[in-house]
Amino acid sequence: MKIITVATEKNGYFHSLQESANKFNYDLIVLGYGEKWKGFGWRVKLILEYIKTLPKNEIIVMVDAYDVIILRDSNELKDFFIKLNVKFLCGAFRKLDGLLGICQEIEFGKTKNNIQPPYNNLCAGTWISTVDYAISIYNNLYINDNKDDQVILNQIYDYNNDLITPDFNFNIFCTLFPTIFTRQIRDIDKIHITSDKKLYCGVTNTYPFILHGLGNTDLTLILNKLDFNNKNNYTSFKYIIKKLFYHIKLITYTFFKNRW
């Protein structure tokens, strides 16, 4: 099974994504390496361009490059997805509290449709579908390079919520924001590693296949407990600052655009 990501450089937990994909028998396809980052809309277009070369009925997974760890075997995931009987499953996360939660909604928007809480916000950083269906939901949209894929996903879901299924139960994607100051996974999400090296979420009572640590989550403890090598993971200060200014710019632009 192919896992597709866009990475212009090695950063964050990219090494662990490679290691975990290899361990669990996935074919990791890296697009855009060595190119200049042009925006999340550009990422969507790059992925669509690639998957149009694949067999239409092939099941594919798309993940972020720098904050995702694979947890379970590819054949097991394929069988599980088929049994779910959904066409397009994407990650879903718990909204941040207070001012950060407000900024989050300004930047990414929020679907007008109700999703079962607490993980009731769509996440564009992870999804699984067949090639033909993924192409069909994105293909008729005009996608600007700088448009955020999170916003695009919300717009599709608002247009017709039958097109997309949010993984609010963490059946496949475990999508978590950390504590603000320590960057650790929050206690409220009740995450622990079992004796047979599976990640368990006590909130949803599920054993997800893929962990997505949003917002610069520190995944060191998880990686150690899963016996992965964390030594080659590195997030440059330059990347953190660039990412921070990108989000500030997007929040400011979206706020004044919607206000005026």
C-alpha atoms as a PDB file:
ATOM      1  CA  MET A   1       0.000   0.000   0.000  1.00  0.00           C
ATOM      2  CA  LYS A   2       1.292   3.457  -0.907  1.00  0.00           C
ATOM      3  CA  ILE A   3       1.611   6.242   1.632  1.00  0.00           C
ATOM      4  CA  ILE A   4       2.021   9.571  -0.147  1.00  0.00           C
ATOM      5  CA  THR A   5       3.580  12.646   1.401  1.00  0.00           C
ATOM      6  CA  VAL A   6       5.079  15.948   0.284  1.00  0.00           C
ATOM      7  CA  ALA A   7       8.435  16.850   1.827  1.00  0.00           C
ATOM      8  CA  THR A   8      10.724  19.514   0.398  1.00  0.00           C
ATOM      9  CA  GLU A   9      13.472  18.678   2.935  1.00  0.00           C
ATOM     10  CA  LYS A  10      14.291  16.422   5.890  1.00  0.00           C
ATOM     11  CA  ASN A  11      12.830  17.883   9.051  1.00  0.00           C
ATOM     12  CA  GLY A  12      10.811  17.018  12.153  1.00  0.00           C
ATOM     13  CA  TYR A  13       9.898  13.332  12.364  1.00  0.00           C
ATOM     14  CA  PHE A  14      10.467  12.614   8.684  1.00  0.00           C
ATOM     15  CA  HIS A  15      13.042   9.941   9.520  1.00  0.00           C
ATOM     16  CA  SER A  16      10.557   8.174  11.806  1.00  0.00           C
ATOM     17  CA  LEU A  17       7.907   8.317   9.095  1.00  0.00           C
ATOM     18  CA  GLN A  18      10.362   6.563   6.768  1.00  0.00           C
ATOM     19  CA  GLU A  19      11.369   4.029   9.427  1.00  0.00           C
ATOM     20  CA  SER A  20       7.808   3.211  10.493  1.00  0.00           C
ATOM     21  CA  ALA A  21       6.556   2.966   6.896  1.00  0.00           C
ATOM     22  CA  ASN A  22       9.332   0.501   6.129  1.00  0.00           C
ATOM     23  CA  LYS A  23       8.685  -1.524   9.307  1.00  0.00           C
ATOM     24  CA  PHE A  24       4.986  -1.938   8.551  1.00  0.00           C
ATOM     25  CA  ASN A  25       5.374  -2.688   4.839  1.00  0.00           C
ATOM     26  CA  TYR A  26       4.210   0.538   3.186  1.00  0.00           C
ATOM     27  CA  ASP A  27       5.595   2.044   0.003  1.00  0.00           C
ATOM     28  CA  LEU A  28       6.374   5.628   1.035  1.00  0.00           C
ATOM     29  CA  ILE A  29       6.112   8.011  -1.927  1.00  0.00           C
ATOM     30  CA  VAL A  30       7.821  11.359  -1.289  1.00  0.00           C
ATOM     31  CA  LEU A  31       6.838  14.192  -3.634  1.00  0.00           C
ATOM     32  CA  GLY A  32       8.424  17.638  -3.960  1.00  0.00           C
ATOM     33  CA  TYR A  33      11.760  16.778  -2.357  1.00  0.00           C
ATOM     34  CA  GLY A  34      14.365  19.453  -3.032  1.00  0.00           C
ATOM     35  CA  GLU A  35      11.765  21.864  -4.395  1.00  0.00           C
ATOM     36  CA  LYS A  36      10.754  25.205  -2.920  1.00  0.00           C
ATOM     37  CA  TRP A  37       7.642  25.021  -0.749  1.00  0.00           C
ATOM     38  CA  LYS A  38       4.808  26.909  -2.474  1.00  0.00           C
ATOM     39  CA  GLY A  39       1.876  26.336  -0.120  1.00  0.00           C
ATOM     40  CA  PHE A  40      -0.682  23.725   0.911  1.00  0.00           C
ATOM     41  CA  GLY A  41      -2.724  24.214  -2.246  1.00  0.00           C
ATOM     42  CA  TRP A  42       0.424  23.405  -4.192  1.00  0.00           C
ATOM     43  CA  ARG A  43       0.738  20.247  -2.101  1.00  0.00           C
ATOM     44  CA  VAL A  44      -2.789  19.148  -3.053  1.00  0.00           C
ATOM     45  CA  LYS A  45      -2.058  19.739  -6.744  1.00  0.00           C
ATOM     46  CA  LEU A  46       1.222  17.808  -6.519  1.00  0.00           C
ATOM     47  CA  ILE A  47      -0.567  14.823  -4.961  1.00  0.00           C
ATOM     48  CA  LEU A  48      -3.385  14.914  -7.526  1.00  0.00           C
ATOM     49  CA  GLU A  49      -0.882  15.061 -10.371  1.00  0.00           C
ATOM     50  CA  TYR A  50       0.869  11.971  -9.036  1.00  0.00           C
ATOM     51  CA  ILE A  51      -2.150   9.817  -8.202  1.00  0.00           C
ATOM     52  CA  LYS A  52      -3.609  10.351 -11.680  1.00  0.00           C
ATOM     53  CA  THR A  53      -0.846   7.991 -12.823  1.00  0.00           C
ATOM     54  CA  LEU A  54      -2.075   5.182 -10.528  1.00  0.00           C
ATOM     55  CA  PRO A  55      -4.757   2.495 -11.048  1.00  0.00           C
ATOM     56  CA  LYS A  56      -8.182   4.003 -10.330  1.00  0.00           C
ATOM     57  CA  ASN A  57      -9.240   1.460  -7.716  1.00  0.00           C
ATOM     58  CA  GLU A  58      -5.955   1.499  -5.745  1.00  0.00           C
ATOM     59  CA  ILE A  59      -6.311   2.395  -2.049  1.00  0.00           C
ATOM     60  CA  ILE A  60      -3.867   5.132  -1.040  1.00  0.00           C
ATOM     61  CA  VAL A  61      -2.997   6.999   2.146  1.00  0.00           C
ATOM     62  CA  MET A  62      -1.884  10.638   2.326  1.00  0.00           C
ATOM     63  CA  VAL A  63      -0.026  11.977   5.375  1.00  0.00           C
ATOM     64  CA  ASP A  64       1.913  15.022   6.515  1.00  0.00           C
ATOM     65  CA  ALA A  65       5.667  14.539   6.261  1.00  0.00           C
ATOM     66  CA  TYR A  66       7.053  15.887   9.521  1.00  0.00           C
ATOM     67  CA  ASP A  67       4.702  14.834  12.324  1.00  0.00           C
ATOM     68  CA  VAL A  68       3.280  11.410  11.427  1.00  0.00           C
ATOM     69  CA  ILE A  69       4.218   7.919  12.649  1.00  0.00           C
ATOM     70  CA  ILE A  70       2.870   4.655  11.198  1.00  0.00           C
ATOM     71  CA  LEU A  71       1.708   2.196  13.874  1.00  0.00           C
ATOM     72  CA  ARG A  72       0.283  -0.919  12.210  1.00  0.00           C
ATOM     73  CA  ASP A  73       0.701  -3.173   9.170  1.00  0.00           C
ATOM     74  CA  SER A  74      -0.333  -2.128   5.638  1.00  0.00           C
ATOM     75  CA  ASN A  75      -2.344  -5.277   4.836  1.00  0.00           C
ATOM     76  CA  GLU A  76      -4.223  -4.925   8.101  1.00  0.00           C
ATOM     77  CA  LEU A  77      -5.019  -1.294   7.272  1.00  0.00           C
ATOM     78  CA  LYS A  78      -6.222  -2.136   3.779  1.00  0.00           C
ATOM     79  CA  ASP A  79      -8.621  -4.813   5.093  1.00  0.00           C
ATOM     80  CA  PHE A  80      -9.810  -2.519   7.877  1.00  0.00           C
ATOM     81  CA  PHE A  81     -10.552   0.364   5.491  1.00  0.00           C
ATOM     82  CA  ILE A  82     -12.531  -1.896   3.163  1.00  0.00           C
ATOM     83  CA  LYS A  83     -14.615  -3.122   6.110  1.00  0.00           C
ATOM     84  CA  LEU A  84     -15.354   0.462   7.190  1.00  0.00           C
ATOM     85  CA  ASN A  85     -17.189   0.887   3.869  1.00  0.00           C
ATOM     86  CA  VAL A  86     -16.447   4.611   3.501  1.00  0.00           C
ATOM     87  CA  LYS A  87     -15.090   6.394   0.434  1.00  0.00           C
ATOM     88  CA  PHE A  88     -12.815   9.056   1.914  1.00  0.00           C
ATOM     89  CA  LEU A  89     -11.738   9.025   5.570  1.00  0.00           C
ATOM     90  CA  CYS A  90      -9.775  11.963   6.969  1.00  0.00           C
ATOM     91  CA  GLY A  91      -8.288  12.743  10.354  1.00  0.00           C
ATOM     92  CA  ALA A  92     -10.222  14.692  12.995  1.00  0.00           C
ATOM     93  CA  PHE A  93      -8.874  16.618  15.980  1.00  0.00           C
ATOM     94  CA  ARG A  94      -9.965  18.206  19.257  1.00  0.00           C
ATOM     95  CA  LYS A  95     -10.126  22.000  19.152  1.00  0.00           C
ATOM     96  CA  LEU A  96      -7.599  23.893  21.274  1.00  0.00           C
ATOM     97  CA  ASP A  97      -8.836  25.884  24.267  1.00  0.00           C
ATOM     98  CA  GLY A  98      -9.138  29.655  24.646  1.00  0.00           C
ATOM     99  CA  LEU A  99      -7.434  32.152  22.362  1.00  0.00           C
ATOM    100  CA  LEU A 100      -5.497  29.453  20.499  1.00  0.00           C
ATOM    101  CA  GLY A 101      -8.753  27.740  19.615  1.00  0.00           C
ATOM    102  CA  ILE A 102     -10.119  31.026  18.252  1.00  0.00           C
ATOM    103  CA  CYS A 103      -6.974  31.539  16.144  1.00  0.00           C
ATOM    104  CA  GLN A 104      -7.298  27.952  14.955  1.00  0.00           C
ATOM    105  CA  GLU A 105     -10.795  28.547  13.619  1.00  0.00           C
ATOM    106  CA  ILE A 106      -9.820  31.875  12.020  1.00  0.00           C
ATOM    107  CA  GLU A 107      -6.951  30.222  10.138  1.00  0.00           C
ATOM    108  CA  PHE A 108      -8.494  26.901   9.131  1.00  0.00           C
ATOM    109  CA  GLY A 109     -12.203  27.595   9.373  1.00  0.00           C
ATOM    110  CA  LYS A 110     -14.639  25.108  10.814  1.00  0.00           C
ATOM    111  CA  THR A 111     -17.242  22.995   9.117  1.00  0.00           C
ATOM    112  CA  LYS A 112     -20.851  24.103   9.481  1.00  0.00           C
ATOM    113  CA  ASN A 113     -21.880  20.451   9.801  1.00  0.00           C
ATOM    114  CA  ASN A 114     -21.951  18.728  13.161  1.00  0.00           C
ATOM    115  CA  ILE A 115     -19.299  16.091  13.876  1.00  0.00           C
ATOM    116  CA  GLN A 116     -19.343  13.909  16.961  1.00  0.00           C
ATOM    117  CA  PRO A 117     -17.171  15.464  19.729  1.00  0.00           C
ATOM    118  CA  PRO A 118     -14.573  15.690  21.102  1.00  0.00           C
ATOM    119  CA  TYR A 119     -12.587  15.138  17.880  1.00  0.00           C
ATOM    120  CA  ASN A 120     -14.892  17.196  15.716  1.00  0.00           C
ATOM    121  CA  ASN A 121     -12.621  19.254  13.452  1.00  0.00           C
ATOM    122  CA  LEU A 122     -11.510  17.982  10.052  1.00  0.00           C
ATOM    123  CA  CYS A 123      -7.784  17.491   9.490  1.00  0.00           C
ATOM    124  CA  ALA A 124      -6.354  17.657   5.954  1.00  0.00           C
ATOM    125  CA  GLY A 125      -3.013  16.205   7.061  1.00  0.00           C
ATOM    126  CA  THR A 126      -4.144  12.570   6.859  1.00  0.00           C
ATOM    127  CA  TRP A 127      -6.641  10.789   4.638  1.00  0.00           C
ATOM    128  CA  ILE A 128      -7.279   7.423   2.991  1.00  0.00           C
ATOM    129  CA  SER A 129      -9.308   6.737  -0.144  1.00  0.00           C
ATOM    130  CA  THR A 130      -9.238   5.109  -3.545  1.00  0.00           C
ATOM    131  CA  VAL A 131      -7.452   6.966  -6.331  1.00  0.00           C
ATOM    132  CA  ASP A 132     -10.542   7.648  -8.438  1.00  0.00           C
ATOM    133  CA  TYR A 133     -12.595   8.938  -5.511  1.00  0.00           C
ATOM    134  CA  ALA A 134      -9.866  11.222  -4.197  1.00  0.00           C
ATOM    135  CA  ILE A 135      -9.479  12.724  -7.660  1.00  0.00           C
ATOM    136  CA  SER A 136     -13.228  13.181  -8.001  1.00  0.00           C
ATOM    137  CA  ILE A 137     -13.708  15.296  -4.868  1.00  0.00           C
ATOM    138  CA  TYR A 138     -10.807  17.640  -5.617  1.00  0.00           C
ATOM    139  CA  ASN A 139     -10.779  17.682  -9.410  1.00  0.00           C
ATOM    140  CA  ASN A 140     -13.481  20.295 -10.091  1.00  0.00           C
ATOM    141  CA  LEU A 141     -12.067  22.824  -7.628  1.00  0.00           C
ATOM    142  CA  TYR A 142      -9.882  25.786  -8.465  1.00  0.00           C
ATOM    143  CA  ILE A 143      -6.952  25.378  -6.083  1.00  0.00           C
ATOM    144  CA  ASN A 144      -4.517  28.246  -5.605  1.00  0.00           C
ATOM    145  CA  ASP A 145      -1.010  27.273  -4.465  1.00  0.00           C
ATOM    146  CA  ASN A 146      -1.369  29.317  -1.279  1.00  0.00           C
ATOM    147  CA  LYS A 147      -4.857  28.154  -0.333  1.00  0.00           C
ATOM    148  CA  ASP A 148      -4.840  26.075   2.834  1.00  0.00           C
ATOM    149  CA  ASP A 149      -5.871  22.465   2.268  1.00  0.00           C
ATOM    150  CA  GLN A 150      -7.643  22.522   5.619  1.00  0.00           C
ATOM    151  CA  VAL A 151      -9.970  25.232   4.299  1.00  0.00           C
ATOM    152  CA  ILE A 152     -10.477  23.279   1.057  1.00  0.00           C
ATOM    153  CA  LEU A 153     -11.482  20.156   2.993  1.00  0.00           C
ATOM    154  CA  ASN A 154     -13.983  22.092   5.116  1.00  0.00           C
ATOM    155  CA  GLN A 155     -15.519  23.615   1.985  1.00  0.00           C
ATOM    156  CA  ILE A 156     -15.979  20.187   0.403  1.00  0.00           C
ATOM    157  CA  TYR A 157     -17.554  18.835   3.586  1.00  0.00           C
ATOM    158  CA  ASP A 158     -19.878  21.850   3.876  1.00  0.00           C
ATOM    159  CA  TYR A 159     -20.973  21.429   0.271  1.00  0.00           C
ATOM    160  CA  ASN A 160     -21.900  17.777   0.828  1.00  0.00           C
ATOM    161  CA  ASN A 161     -20.978  15.986   4.039  1.00  0.00           C
ATOM    162  CA  ASP A 162     -21.601  12.625   2.383  1.00  0.00           C
ATOM    163  CA  LEU A 163     -18.413  13.102   0.359  1.00  0.00           C
ATOM    164  CA  ILE A 164     -16.062  12.880   3.348  1.00  0.00           C
ATOM    165  CA  THR A 165     -16.059  10.810   6.556  1.00  0.00           C
ATOM    166  CA  PRO A 166     -14.200  12.360   9.538  1.00  0.00           C
ATOM    167  CA  ASP A 167     -12.321   9.804  11.654  1.00  0.00           C
ATOM    168  CA  PHE A 168     -13.663  11.174  14.946  1.00  0.00           C
ATOM    169  CA  ASN A 169     -13.371   7.703  16.508  1.00  0.00           C
ATOM    170  CA  PHE A 170      -9.643   7.320  15.699  1.00  0.00           C
ATOM    171  CA  ASN A 171     -10.308   4.095  13.803  1.00  0.00           C
ATOM    172  CA  ILE A 172      -7.307   4.775  11.555  1.00  0.00           C
ATOM    173  CA  PHE A 173      -5.954   8.263  12.318  1.00  0.00           C
ATOM    174  CA  CYS A 174      -5.096   9.405  15.841  1.00  0.00           C
ATOM    175  CA  THR A 175      -4.832  13.196  15.492  1.00  0.00           C
ATOM    176  CA  LEU A 176      -3.645  15.058  18.593  1.00  0.00           C
ATOM    177  CA  PHE A 177      -2.658  18.559  19.665  1.00  0.00           C
ATOM    178  CA  PRO A 178      -0.095  18.810  22.497  1.00  0.00           C
ATOM    179  CA  THR A 179       0.038  20.870  25.657  1.00  0.00           C
ATOM    180  CA  ILE A 180       1.214  24.367  24.778  1.00  0.00           C
ATOM    181  CA  PHE A 181       4.372  24.711  26.867  1.00  0.00           C
ATOM    182  CA  THR A 182       5.675  21.142  27.220  1.00  0.00           C
ATOM    183  CA  ARG A 183       4.548  19.967  23.722  1.00  0.00           C
ATOM    184  CA  GLN A 184       3.544  16.625  25.238  1.00  0.00           C
ATOM    185  CA  ILE A 185       0.435  14.642  24.330  1.00  0.00           C
ATOM    186  CA  ARG A 186      -2.365  15.806  26.606  1.00  0.00           C
ATOM    187  CA  ASP A 187      -3.598  13.595  29.459  1.00  0.00           C
ATOM    188  CA  ILE A 188      -7.182  14.304  28.395  1.00  0.00           C
ATOM    189  CA  ASP A 189      -6.646  12.141  25.283  1.00  0.00           C
ATOM    190  CA  LYS A 190      -5.764   9.045  27.390  1.00  0.00           C
ATOM    191  CA  ILE A 191      -3.039   7.712  25.122  1.00  0.00           C
ATOM    192  CA  HIS A 192      -0.794   4.826  26.112  1.00  0.00           C
ATOM    193  CA  ILE A 193       1.317   2.107  24.501  1.00  0.00           C
ATOM    194  CA  THR A 194       0.261  -1.489  25.178  1.00  0.00           C
ATOM    195  CA  SER A 195       2.589  -4.397  25.968  1.00  0.00           C
ATOM    196  CA  ASP A 196       2.346  -5.594  22.354  1.00  0.00           C
ATOM    197  CA  LYS A 197       3.480  -2.172  21.076  1.00  0.00           C
ATOM    198  CA  LYS A 198       0.146  -0.781  19.933  1.00  0.00           C
ATOM    199  CA  LEU A 199      -1.069   2.742  20.586  1.00  0.00           C
ATOM    200  CA  TYR A 200      -4.378   2.835  22.470  1.00  0.00           C
ATOM    201  CA  CYS A 201      -6.717   5.835  22.885  1.00  0.00           C
ATOM    202  CA  GLY A 202      -8.888   5.530  25.988  1.00  0.00           C
ATOM    203  CA  VAL A 203     -11.266   8.264  24.814  1.00  0.00           C
ATOM    204  CA  THR A 204     -12.310   6.370  21.677  1.00  0.00           C
ATOM    205  CA  ASN A 205     -11.368   2.847  22.862  1.00  0.00           C
ATOM    206  CA  THR A 206      -9.498   2.214  19.601  1.00  0.00           C
ATOM    207  CA  TYR A 207      -6.054   1.167  18.359  1.00  0.00           C
ATOM    208  CA  PRO A 208      -5.277   3.565  15.485  1.00  0.00           C
ATOM    209  CA  PHE A 209      -2.996   2.765  12.552  1.00  0.00           C
ATOM    210  CA  ILE A 210      -1.412   6.213  12.189  1.00  0.00           C
ATOM    211  CA  LEU A 211      -0.410   8.834  14.772  1.00  0.00           C
ATOM    212  CA  HIS A 212      -0.458  12.504  13.763  1.00  0.00           C
ATOM    213  CA  GLY A 213       1.123  14.864  16.313  1.00  0.00           C
ATOM    214  CA  LEU A 214      -0.119  18.340  15.399  1.00  0.00           C
ATOM    215  CA  GLY A 215       1.378  21.662  16.456  1.00  0.00           C
ATOM    216  CA  ASN A 216       4.991  20.562  16.915  1.00  0.00           C
ATOM    217  CA  THR A 217       4.059  17.716  19.300  1.00  0.00           C
ATOM    218  CA  ASP A 218       7.017  16.069  21.038  1.00  0.00           C
ATOM    219  CA  LEU A 219       6.697  12.395  20.034  1.00  0.00           C
ATOM    220  CA  THR A 220       9.929  11.262  21.724  1.00  0.00           C
ATOM    221  CA  LEU A 221       8.266   9.223  24.491  1.00  0.00           C
ATOM    222  CA  ILE A 222       5.951   7.486  22.037  1.00  0.00           C
ATOM    223  CA  LEU A 223       8.824   6.642  19.698  1.00  0.00           C
ATOM    224  CA  ASN A 224      10.916   5.260  22.549  1.00  0.00           C
ATOM    225  CA  LYS A 225       8.080   3.064  23.781  1.00  0.00           C
ATOM    226  CA  LEU A 226       7.547   1.764  20.241  1.00  0.00           C
ATOM    227  CA  ASP A 227      11.297   1.004  19.908  1.00  0.00           C
ATOM    228  CA  PHE A 228      11.868   3.450  17.055  1.00  0.00           C
ATOM    229  CA  ASN A 229      15.150   5.304  16.595  1.00  0.00           C
ATOM    230  CA  ASN A 230      14.600   8.964  17.484  1.00  0.00           C
ATOM    231  CA  LYS A 231      18.220  10.102  17.074  1.00  0.00           C
ATOM    232  CA  ASN A 232      17.911  11.143  13.427  1.00  0.00           C
ATOM    233  CA  ASN A 233      14.841  13.328  13.978  1.00  0.00           C
ATOM    234  CA  TYR A 234      15.581  17.028  14.006  1.00  0.00           C
ATOM    235  CA  THR A 235      13.499  20.175  13.689  1.00  0.00           C
ATOM    236  CA  SER A 236      15.588  23.160  12.670  1.00  0.00           C
ATOM    237  CA  PHE A 237      15.026  26.515  14.340  1.00  0.00           C
ATOM    238  CA  LYS A 238      14.733  28.057  10.871  1.00  0.00           C
ATOM    239  CA  TYR A 239      11.845  25.684  10.047  1.00  0.00           C
ATOM    240  CA  ILE A 240      10.015  26.514  13.314  1.00  0.00           C
ATOM    241  CA  ILE A 241      10.285  30.266  12.708  1.00  0.00           C
ATOM    242  CA  LYS A 242       9.241  29.907   9.062  1.00  0.00           C
ATOM    243  CA  LYS A 243       6.224  27.832  10.088  1.00  0.00           C
ATOM    244  CA  LEU A 244       5.275  30.274  12.860  1.00  0.00           C
ATOM    245  CA  PHE A 245       5.345  33.280  10.527  1.00  0.00           C
ATOM    246  CA  TYR A 246       3.385  31.342   7.895  1.00  0.00           C
ATOM    247  CA  HIS A 247       0.562  30.706  10.371  1.00  0.00           C
ATOM    248  CA  ILE A 248       0.588  34.300  11.691  1.00  0.00           C
ATOM    249  CA  LYS A 249       0.386  35.599   8.124  1.00  0.00           C
ATOM    250  CA  LEU A 250      -2.487  33.258   7.271  1.00  0.00           C
ATOM    251  CA  ILE A 251      -4.453  34.094  10.446  1.00  0.00           C
ATOM    252  CA  THR A 252      -4.045  37.842   9.847  1.00  0.00           C
ATOM    253  CA  TYR A 253      -5.024  37.585   6.179  1.00  0.00           C
ATOM    254  CA  THR A 254      -8.087  35.432   6.891  1.00  0.00           C
ATOM    255  CA  PHE A 255      -9.257  37.623   9.784  1.00  0.00           C
ATOM    256  CA  PHE A 256      -9.231  40.883   7.808  1.00  0.00           C
ATOM    257  CA  LYS A 257     -10.574  39.224   4.657  1.00  0.00           C
ATOM    258  CA  ASN A 258     -13.620  37.943   6.534  1.00  0.00           C
ATOM    259  CA  ARG A 259     -14.069  41.198   8.463  1.00  0.00           C
ATOM    260  CA  TRP A 260     -14.053  43.525   5.455  1.00  0.00           C
END
